[in-house]
Amino acid sequence: MRTSTDRILTSHVGSLPRPDELIAANQARESGAADPGAFERTLSQAVGDVVRHQKELGIDVPGDGEFGKSMAQRVNYGSWWRYSWQRLSGIEPGTDSLYDMAPHRSTPDHIVLTSFGDRRDRTMFSLAYNDPESGITTGSGARPPTPVCTAPLGYAGGDMIAADIANFKAALAASGVAEGFMTAVAPASCARIANKYYKSDEEFLFACADAMRAEYKAIVDAGIVLQLDDPCLAEGWDQVNPEPSVADYQTLVASWIDALNHSISGLPADRIRLHLCWGSWHGPHVTDIPIRDIIEIVLKAKVGAISFEAGNVRHEHEWKVWQEVRLPDDMVMLPGVVSHATNVIEHPELVADRIRRFAGIVGRERVIASTDCGLGGRIHPQIAWAKLEALAQGAALATRQLWP
C-alpha cells in the first residue's frame, strides 16, 4: 500500500456519482430489458471514465466508484452492501426491509438490535425524520426486503467480482495509475440480514466471513488494495435499543472484529484497509458512539490502514483522540477531511489544516487524505466532484507546509 513518503497522498471511501448512462443501463437491466453485452460495454466505459476523472482531479489512489455494484437510482444508500445479496448462495427473498425487521438478540445475548426504523436517533427526532421537508435523507425509492438465510452460505459471485476486477484493472492501466482500491462489505455489516438456518448470530456471522473471503482474496490477488466497509462497528450502537452499556457494546464490536480477522486470515495486511463510519444518512446523529469508546478494539483488525470520519460537525473534534490512542506502527490512516454530510465545499486551507492535525500526531508519512464516506448518492454529482478537487488542493497545500 502506498504511503505519503514525499507528499500527502489522496484517496476517498468508495462510492462516486454514477453517470446518467450507467444509471439508465442499470434500470434497463433490473427491468430485464438490457442487452448483456451493451450493459457490460457501458459499465466498462464508465469505470474507465471515472478513474481518469479522479486522476485529473488529483486523486492518487482512486477506486472504481463502486460502479459494478448495481444502482439504478441517483440517490441510493444501499449499494455498498446490498450488492452482496447477488453474490451469496444460501439466501432467499424475504418480506421485511431493514426498516421493519423484527428485533433480534446478539452477543452478549441481552443486547437487542432493532430495525433501522427504530434507531434511537430516529426515535429522538421522529418529527424531523417523518417530515419530508426537514432535509433529512435516508435514501430514496422503495426499500427492498432483505434476504433470509435458509441454507449454508456460500459465495456465488465469482463471475461478478472477476468482471469488476477486469474493468478496474483496465481503467487503471489506461490512465497510468499505479494503485487503486476496491470496496467489499465486511462480515458484520454483511450479516445484517435475517437468519433462519444458523443456530446463533455468532455462527451466522462467521459463515458470512467464510463466504465473503472469496471476494476479498480475489481483490487482493489481483494486486488491488482491498477496502473492507464495516460501518456497523460504530453505527450499530444507535441500533441497539435500549442503549446498552459501553462494555457490552465493546464485547459485540470485538466479536465483529474477530470475524473480520477470520475472513482475511493469511491475506497481506498491508494490502487491506478498513472503513469505519457512523452511517451516511443526513440526520442529527446525536446517538453516535464516541470513537474513543471503540477505536482500540477496531485497531485490533489485521489491516494496514484505517479510514474514518473526521470532517463532519459531529466527529471532527475527535481528532484529539489520536493524541492518546496509539496508531499501530504498521498502520496508516485515511481521515476524512471533506464530508458527504454537507453541500458546503470545504476550503482547501481548511482541508490542509485537518491534514496537518493528524500529521502532527502520527507523522506526515502515515496520513492519506480521504473523505468521510462515499460521495456517490449522498450529494449532487457536481458538488461531489468539487469536493474531491478541494481534497486534492488541500493535500497539495498541506504538502507544501509539511515538506518546506
Protein backbone atom coordinates (compact mmCIF):
# COMPACT_ATOMS: atom_id res chain seq x y z
CA MET A 1 0.00 0.00 0.00
CA ARG A 2 1.37 3.39 -0.97
CA THR A 3 2.21 5.86 1.78
CA SER A 4 2.85 9.58 1.81
CA THR A 5 6.64 9.34 1.58
CA ASP A 6 7.25 12.65 -0.19
CA ARG A 7 3.80 14.29 -0.30
CA ILE A 8 0.33 13.82 1.13
CA LEU A 9 -1.46 11.23 -0.96
CA THR A 10 -5.18 11.40 -1.62
CA SER A 11 -7.93 8.81 -1.86
CA HIS A 12 -11.60 8.51 -0.88
CA VAL A 13 -14.01 5.97 0.59
CA GLY A 14 -15.59 4.39 -2.46
CA SER A 15 -18.93 5.38 -3.92
CA LEU A 16 -18.81 8.07 -6.61
CA PRO A 17 -21.62 9.62 -8.69
CA ARG A 18 -22.88 7.26 -11.39
CA PRO A 19 -23.16 8.80 -14.87
CA ASP A 20 -26.65 9.00 -16.35
CA GLU A 21 -25.78 6.35 -18.94
CA LEU A 22 -24.87 3.82 -16.25
CA ILE A 23 -27.99 4.59 -14.19
CA ALA A 24 -30.13 4.04 -17.29
CA ALA A 25 -28.26 0.82 -18.07
CA ASN A 26 -28.87 -0.45 -14.53
CA GLN A 27 -32.55 0.45 -14.79
CA ALA A 28 -32.82 -1.49 -18.04
CA ARG A 29 -31.01 -4.46 -16.56
CA GLU A 30 -33.23 -4.55 -13.47
CA SER A 31 -36.33 -4.44 -15.68
CA GLY A 32 -35.00 -7.30 -17.80
CA ALA A 33 -34.77 -5.15 -20.93
CA ALA A 34 -30.98 -4.83 -21.15
CA ASP A 35 -28.72 -6.47 -23.69
CA PRO A 36 -25.95 -8.02 -21.54
CA GLY A 37 -23.22 -7.08 -23.98
CA ALA A 38 -24.38 -3.47 -24.19
CA PHE A 39 -24.56 -3.24 -20.41
CA GLU A 40 -21.02 -4.56 -19.96
CA ARG A 41 -19.71 -2.07 -22.53
CA THR A 42 -21.48 0.79 -20.72
CA LEU A 43 -20.09 -0.34 -17.38
CA SER A 44 -16.53 -0.77 -18.68
CA GLN A 45 -16.62 2.68 -20.28
CA ALA A 46 -17.98 4.26 -17.10
CA VAL A 47 -15.25 2.71 -14.94
CA GLY A 48 -12.58 3.90 -17.36
CA ASP A 49 -14.02 7.42 -17.33
CA VAL A 50 -14.31 7.62 -13.54
CA VAL A 51 -10.72 6.51 -12.96
CA ARG A 52 -9.46 9.02 -15.50
CA HIS A 53 -11.52 11.81 -13.90
CA GLN A 54 -10.16 11.00 -10.43
CA LYS A 55 -6.62 11.21 -11.75
CA GLU A 56 -7.36 14.55 -13.43
CA LEU A 57 -8.67 15.93 -10.12
CA GLY A 58 -5.55 14.82 -8.24
CA ILE A 59 -6.70 11.61 -6.53
CA ASP A 60 -3.64 9.39 -6.13
CA VAL A 61 -5.34 6.14 -5.08
CA PRO A 62 -8.65 6.00 -6.98
CA GLY A 63 -11.47 3.50 -6.79
CA ASP A 64 -13.89 2.13 -9.36
CA GLY A 65 -16.66 4.26 -7.88
CA GLU A 66 -18.43 1.03 -6.86
CA PHE A 67 -19.92 1.12 -10.35
CA GLY A 68 -20.11 -2.67 -10.58
CA LYS A 69 -22.46 -2.66 -7.57
CA SER A 70 -25.85 -2.16 -9.20
CA MET A 71 -27.57 1.16 -8.55
CA ALA A 72 -30.49 2.20 -10.73
CA GLN A 73 -31.14 5.48 -8.89
CA ARG A 74 -29.06 8.59 -8.46
CA VAL A 75 -29.77 8.77 -4.73
CA ASN A 76 -29.40 5.41 -3.00
CA TYR A 77 -27.59 4.39 0.15
CA GLY A 78 -27.63 0.63 -0.05
CA SER A 79 -25.45 -0.49 -2.92
CA TRP A 80 -22.24 -0.64 -0.86
CA TRP A 81 -23.56 -3.73 0.98
CA ARG A 82 -26.81 -4.69 -0.76
CA TYR A 83 -24.77 -5.89 -3.74
CA SER A 84 -23.71 -8.90 -1.65
CA TRP A 85 -27.25 -10.26 -1.89
CA GLN A 86 -26.48 -11.02 -5.53
CA ARG A 87 -23.24 -12.79 -4.64
CA LEU A 88 -24.24 -15.09 -1.79
CA SER A 89 -25.84 -18.52 -2.10
CA GLY A 90 -27.99 -19.96 0.65
CA ILE A 91 -30.31 -16.95 0.85
CA GLU A 92 -33.88 -16.43 -0.35
CA PRO A 93 -36.05 -13.33 -0.82
CA GLY A 94 -37.55 -12.08 2.43
CA THR A 95 -40.59 -9.97 3.23
CA ASP A 96 -39.25 -7.29 5.61
CA SER A 97 -36.91 -4.40 4.86
CA LEU A 98 -34.19 -3.30 7.26
CA TYR A 99 -36.62 -0.65 8.48
CA ASP A 100 -39.25 -3.12 9.70
CA MET A 101 -37.33 -6.29 10.53
CA ALA A 102 -38.11 -7.84 13.89
CA PRO A 103 -35.56 -7.05 16.64
CA HIS A 104 -33.06 -9.81 17.35
CA ARG A 105 -30.62 -10.56 20.12
CA SER A 106 -26.88 -10.66 19.69
CA THR A 107 -23.82 -11.44 21.80
CA PRO A 108 -23.98 -10.51 24.71
CA ASP A 109 -27.46 -12.05 24.42
CA HIS A 110 -29.20 -9.21 26.26
CA ILE A 111 -28.22 -6.74 23.51
CA VAL A 112 -31.21 -6.24 21.22
CA LEU A 113 -30.53 -4.99 17.69
CA THR A 114 -33.60 -3.17 16.41
CA SER A 115 -34.69 -2.43 12.86
CA PHE A 116 -33.28 0.64 11.12
CA GLY A 117 -36.68 2.28 11.60
CA ASP A 118 -36.35 2.02 15.39
CA ARG A 119 -32.90 3.56 15.71
CA ARG A 120 -32.58 5.78 18.76
CA ASP A 121 -31.67 8.80 16.60
CA ARG A 122 -34.87 8.32 14.58
CA THR A 123 -36.92 7.97 17.78
CA MET A 124 -35.41 11.06 19.38
CA PHE A 125 -36.03 13.17 16.27
CA SER A 126 -39.16 11.44 14.99
CA LEU A 127 -40.85 14.67 13.87
CA ALA A 128 -37.86 15.63 11.76
CA TYR A 129 -37.35 12.15 10.31
CA ASN A 130 -41.01 11.96 9.29
CA ASP A 131 -41.09 15.45 7.76
CA PRO A 132 -40.20 15.26 4.04
CA GLU A 133 -39.18 18.93 4.14
CA SER A 134 -36.72 18.54 7.03
CA GLY A 135 -33.70 17.96 4.81
CA ILE A 136 -33.01 14.57 6.39
CA THR A 137 -32.16 11.99 3.74
CA THR A 138 -32.11 8.25 4.36
CA GLY A 139 -32.23 7.04 0.78
CA SER A 140 -34.95 7.18 -1.82
CA GLY A 141 -37.32 4.86 -3.57
CA ALA A 142 -38.79 1.62 -2.30
CA ARG A 143 -36.92 -0.15 0.47
CA PRO A 144 -36.31 -3.67 -0.79
CA PRO A 145 -36.90 -6.59 1.55
CA THR A 146 -33.77 -8.11 2.97
CA PRO A 147 -32.96 -11.74 2.13
CA VAL A 148 -33.28 -14.59 4.58
CA CYS A 149 -30.54 -17.16 5.06
CA THR A 150 -32.18 -20.58 4.74
CA ALA A 151 -29.20 -22.82 3.85
CA PRO A 152 -25.41 -22.89 4.23
CA LEU A 153 -23.93 -19.64 2.97
CA GLY A 154 -21.58 -19.72 0.02
CA TYR A 155 -20.05 -17.26 -2.43
CA ALA A 156 -21.66 -17.28 -5.85
CA GLY A 157 -20.26 -14.03 -7.17
CA GLY A 158 -17.11 -15.29 -8.87
CA ASP A 159 -18.05 -14.02 -12.31
CA MET A 160 -19.22 -10.68 -10.90
CA ILE A 161 -16.07 -9.90 -8.95
CA ALA A 162 -13.94 -11.08 -11.88
CA ALA A 163 -15.73 -8.60 -14.14
CA ASP A 164 -15.31 -5.79 -11.58
CA ILE A 165 -11.60 -6.53 -11.31
CA ALA A 166 -11.10 -6.72 -15.07
CA ASN A 167 -12.87 -3.40 -15.66
CA PHE A 168 -10.93 -1.67 -12.91
CA LYS A 169 -7.50 -3.01 -13.89
CA ALA A 170 -8.10 -1.97 -17.49
CA ALA A 171 -9.10 1.51 -16.31
CA LEU A 172 -6.03 1.85 -14.09
CA ALA A 173 -3.73 0.79 -16.92
CA ALA A 174 -5.39 3.13 -19.41
CA SER A 175 -4.94 6.10 -17.07
CA GLY A 176 -1.43 5.15 -15.97
CA VAL A 177 -2.42 4.86 -12.30
CA ALA A 178 -0.09 2.79 -10.13
CA GLU A 179 -2.51 1.74 -7.40
CA GLY A 180 -6.25 1.61 -6.83
CA PHE A 181 -8.69 0.21 -4.29
CA MET A 182 -11.95 -1.70 -4.39
CA THR A 183 -14.53 -1.95 -1.64
CA ALA A 184 -16.22 -5.05 -0.24
CA VAL A 185 -18.70 -5.37 2.60
CA ALA A 186 -17.15 -6.70 5.82
CA PRO A 187 -18.62 -9.75 7.59
CA ALA A 188 -20.53 -7.95 10.37
CA SER A 189 -22.18 -5.49 8.00
CA CYS A 190 -22.90 -8.33 5.57
CA ALA A 191 -24.65 -10.25 8.34
CA ARG A 192 -27.40 -7.66 8.79
CA ILE A 193 -29.96 -9.90 7.08
CA ALA A 194 -32.39 -12.40 8.56
CA ASN A 195 -31.08 -15.82 9.56
CA LYS A 196 -33.24 -18.93 9.77
CA TYR A 197 -30.53 -21.53 9.22
CA TYR A 198 -27.66 -21.00 11.66
CA LYS A 199 -28.14 -21.72 15.35
CA SER A 200 -26.75 -18.42 16.60
CA ASP A 201 -25.82 -14.93 15.47
CA GLU A 202 -22.17 -15.79 16.04
CA GLU A 203 -22.34 -18.87 13.83
CA PHE A 204 -24.08 -16.84 11.11
CA LEU A 205 -21.51 -14.04 11.42
CA PHE A 206 -18.61 -16.41 10.83
CA ALA A 207 -20.47 -18.05 7.95
CA CYS A 208 -20.64 -14.60 6.32
CA ALA A 209 -16.91 -14.23 6.96
CA ASP A 210 -16.15 -17.54 5.28
CA ALA A 211 -18.38 -16.79 2.30
CA MET A 212 -17.12 -13.25 1.64
CA ARG A 213 -13.46 -14.29 1.95
CA ALA A 214 -13.55 -15.43 -1.67
CA GLU A 215 -14.25 -11.87 -2.77
CA TYR A 216 -11.60 -10.39 -0.50
CA LYS A 217 -8.97 -12.82 -1.76
CA ALA A 218 -9.86 -12.18 -5.40
CA ILE A 219 -9.32 -8.44 -4.97
CA VAL A 220 -6.02 -8.80 -3.13
CA ASP A 221 -4.75 -11.49 -5.51
CA ALA A 222 -5.43 -9.13 -8.42
CA GLY A 223 -2.98 -6.60 -6.97
CA ILE A 224 -5.73 -4.18 -5.91
CA VAL A 225 -6.00 -2.70 -2.43
CA LEU A 226 -9.00 -4.13 -0.60
CA GLN A 227 -11.17 -1.79 1.46
CA LEU A 228 -13.47 -3.54 3.93
CA ASP A 229 -16.59 -1.47 4.60
CA ASP A 230 -17.83 -2.05 8.14
CA PRO A 231 -19.96 0.89 9.27
CA CYS A 232 -21.89 -1.27 11.72
CA LEU A 233 -18.85 -1.18 14.03
CA ALA A 234 -19.85 2.36 15.04
CA GLU A 235 -23.32 2.69 13.55
CA GLY A 236 -24.60 -0.40 15.34
CA TRP A 237 -24.57 1.45 18.66
CA ASP A 238 -27.56 3.53 17.53
CA GLN A 239 -29.36 0.33 16.50
CA VAL A 240 -29.25 -1.18 20.00
CA ASN A 241 -32.42 -0.31 21.87
CA PRO A 242 -32.45 0.17 24.78
CA GLU A 243 -28.99 1.71 24.91
CA PRO A 244 -26.51 -0.87 26.25
CA SER A 245 -23.56 -0.35 28.49
CA VAL A 246 -20.41 0.65 26.66
CA ALA A 247 -18.71 -2.51 27.96
CA ASP A 248 -21.39 -4.76 26.48
CA TYR A 249 -21.24 -2.98 23.15
CA GLN A 250 -17.45 -3.28 23.15
CA THR A 251 -17.90 -7.05 23.55
CA LEU A 252 -20.14 -7.04 20.48
CA VAL A 253 -17.65 -4.97 18.45
CA ALA A 254 -14.85 -7.31 19.48
CA SER A 255 -16.80 -10.26 18.08
CA TRP A 256 -17.25 -8.39 14.79
CA ILE A 257 -13.51 -7.69 14.60
CA ASP A 258 -12.78 -11.35 15.34
CA ALA A 259 -14.94 -12.33 12.37
CA LEU A 260 -13.23 -9.77 10.16
CA ASN A 261 -9.80 -11.09 11.11
CA HIS A 262 -11.00 -14.63 10.45
CA SER A 263 -12.15 -13.62 6.97
CA ILE A 264 -8.77 -12.16 5.97
CA SER A 265 -6.52 -14.65 7.74
CA GLY A 266 -3.41 -15.23 5.63
CA LEU A 267 -4.02 -12.23 3.37
CA PRO A 268 -1.37 -9.48 3.44
CA ALA A 269 -2.42 -6.82 5.95
CA ASP A 270 -0.57 -4.10 4.06
CA ARG A 271 -2.94 -4.56 1.10
CA ILE A 272 -6.11 -4.12 3.18
CA ARG A 273 -7.74 -1.05 4.68
CA LEU A 274 -10.82 -0.84 6.93
CA HIS A 275 -13.51 1.84 6.71
CA LEU A 276 -15.31 2.88 9.89
CA CYS A 277 -18.22 5.34 9.90
CA TRP A 278 -21.46 6.24 11.65
CA GLY A 279 -23.77 5.83 8.65
CA SER A 280 -24.02 8.20 5.72
CA TRP A 281 -27.63 9.33 6.06
CA HIS A 282 -28.12 13.07 6.62
CA GLY A 283 -29.60 13.16 10.12
CA PRO A 284 -28.78 14.56 13.59
CA HIS A 285 -26.51 11.64 14.63
CA VAL A 286 -26.66 12.66 18.29
CA THR A 287 -26.74 9.00 19.33
CA ASP A 288 -23.44 8.17 17.60
CA ILE A 289 -20.99 6.38 19.87
CA PRO A 290 -17.77 8.34 20.50
CA ILE A 291 -14.84 6.91 18.56
CA ARG A 292 -12.85 6.76 21.80
CA ASP A 293 -15.15 4.03 23.11
CA ILE A 294 -14.44 1.60 20.25
CA ILE A 295 -11.27 2.60 18.41
CA GLU A 296 -8.83 0.49 20.43
CA ILE A 297 -10.90 -2.60 19.65
CA VAL A 298 -11.22 -1.65 15.97
CA LEU A 299 -7.45 -1.22 15.74
CA LYS A 300 -7.05 -4.93 16.51
CA ALA A 301 -8.13 -5.59 12.93
CA LYS A 302 -5.29 -7.17 10.95
CA VAL A 303 -5.25 -4.44 8.32
CA GLY A 304 -2.73 -1.90 7.10
CA ALA A 305 -4.90 1.22 7.20
CA ILE A 306 -7.91 2.67 8.99
CA SER A 307 -10.38 5.05 7.31
CA PHE A 308 -12.73 7.09 9.50
CA GLU A 309 -14.93 10.18 9.60
CA ALA A 310 -13.10 13.31 10.72
CA GLY A 311 -14.57 16.10 8.61
CA ASN A 312 -18.21 16.43 9.66
CA VAL A 313 -19.52 18.54 12.50
CA ARG A 314 -20.42 15.58 14.69
CA HIS A 315 -16.97 13.96 14.67
CA GLU A 316 -14.32 16.50 13.65
CA HIS A 317 -13.42 17.20 17.27
CA GLU A 318 -12.41 13.57 17.75
CA TRP A 319 -9.04 14.14 16.08
CA LYS A 320 -7.84 14.72 19.65
CA VAL A 321 -8.49 11.05 20.46
CA TRP A 322 -5.40 10.15 18.45
CA GLN A 323 -3.26 12.07 20.94
CA GLU A 324 -3.99 9.34 23.49
CA VAL A 325 -4.69 6.29 21.30
CA ARG A 326 -1.63 4.89 19.56
CA LEU A 327 -1.95 4.04 15.89
CA PRO A 328 -0.19 0.67 15.45
CA ASP A 329 3.26 1.05 13.92
CA ASP A 330 2.30 -0.98 10.86
CA MET A 331 -0.82 1.08 10.07
CA VAL A 332 -1.54 4.29 8.19
CA MET A 333 -4.69 6.38 8.49
CA LEU A 334 -7.15 7.83 6.00
CA PRO A 335 -9.00 10.55 7.92
CA GLY A 336 -12.00 12.15 6.25
CA VAL A 337 -11.07 15.75 5.55
CA VAL A 338 -14.08 16.53 3.33
CA SER A 339 -17.58 15.42 4.25
CA HIS A 340 -20.50 13.78 2.50
CA ALA A 341 -22.85 15.34 5.07
CA THR A 342 -22.93 18.92 3.77
CA ASN A 343 -23.32 20.65 0.43
CA VAL A 344 -20.78 23.24 1.54
CA ILE A 345 -17.49 22.64 -0.26
CA GLU A 346 -14.57 22.70 2.13
CA HIS A 347 -11.95 25.39 1.54
CA PRO A 348 -8.54 23.94 0.65
CA GLU A 349 -6.99 25.76 3.63
CA LEU A 350 -9.43 24.01 5.99
CA VAL A 351 -8.60 20.69 4.33
CA ALA A 352 -4.89 21.39 4.83
CA ASP A 353 -5.49 22.30 8.49
CA ARG A 354 -7.25 19.00 9.07
CA ILE A 355 -4.46 17.05 7.39
CA ARG A 356 -1.79 18.80 9.47
CA ARG A 357 -3.57 17.94 12.71
CA PHE A 358 -3.20 14.23 12.02
CA ALA A 359 0.29 14.56 10.53
CA GLY A 360 1.39 16.29 13.71
CA ILE A 361 0.28 13.28 15.75
CA VAL A 362 1.19 10.21 13.67
CA GLY A 363 3.68 11.69 11.18
CA ARG A 364 3.13 13.01 7.67
CA GLU A 365 4.12 9.72 6.03
CA ARG A 366 1.22 7.89 7.69
CA VAL A 367 -1.60 10.18 6.59
CA ILE A 368 -3.57 9.75 3.35
CA ALA A 369 -6.20 12.45 2.86
CA SER A 370 -9.64 11.00 2.25
CA THR A 371 -13.39 11.59 2.52
CA ASP A 372 -15.68 10.89 5.46
CA CYS A 373 -17.76 8.42 3.47
CA GLY A 374 -18.73 7.66 -0.10
CA LEU A 375 -19.90 10.70 -2.07
CA GLY A 376 -21.98 8.94 -4.71
CA GLY A 377 -25.68 9.22 -3.91
CA ARG A 378 -25.11 11.40 -0.85
CA ILE A 379 -24.70 14.80 -2.51
CA HIS A 380 -25.21 16.18 -6.01
CA PRO A 381 -22.61 14.90 -8.51
CA GLN A 382 -21.36 18.40 -9.33
CA ILE A 383 -20.73 19.04 -5.63
CA ALA A 384 -19.16 15.62 -5.12
CA TRP A 385 -16.55 16.21 -7.82
CA ALA A 386 -15.85 19.71 -6.46
CA LYS A 387 -15.23 18.21 -3.02
CA LEU A 388 -12.68 15.77 -4.45
CA GLU A 389 -10.96 18.69 -6.18
CA ALA A 390 -10.89 20.61 -2.89
CA LEU A 391 -9.46 17.49 -1.22
CA ALA A 392 -6.61 17.36 -3.73
CA GLN A 393 -5.98 21.11 -3.46
CA GLY A 394 -5.87 20.91 0.33
CA ALA A 395 -3.48 17.96 0.21
CA ALA A 396 -1.18 19.91 -2.13
CA LEU A 397 -1.24 22.87 0.25
CA ALA A 398 -0.53 20.62 3.25
CA THR A 399 2.35 19.06 1.32
CA ARG A 400 3.97 22.48 0.81
CA GLN A 401 3.56 23.18 4.53
CA LEU A 402 4.81 19.78 5.72
CA TRP A 403 7.72 19.48 3.24
CA PRO A 404 9.00 23.07 3.23
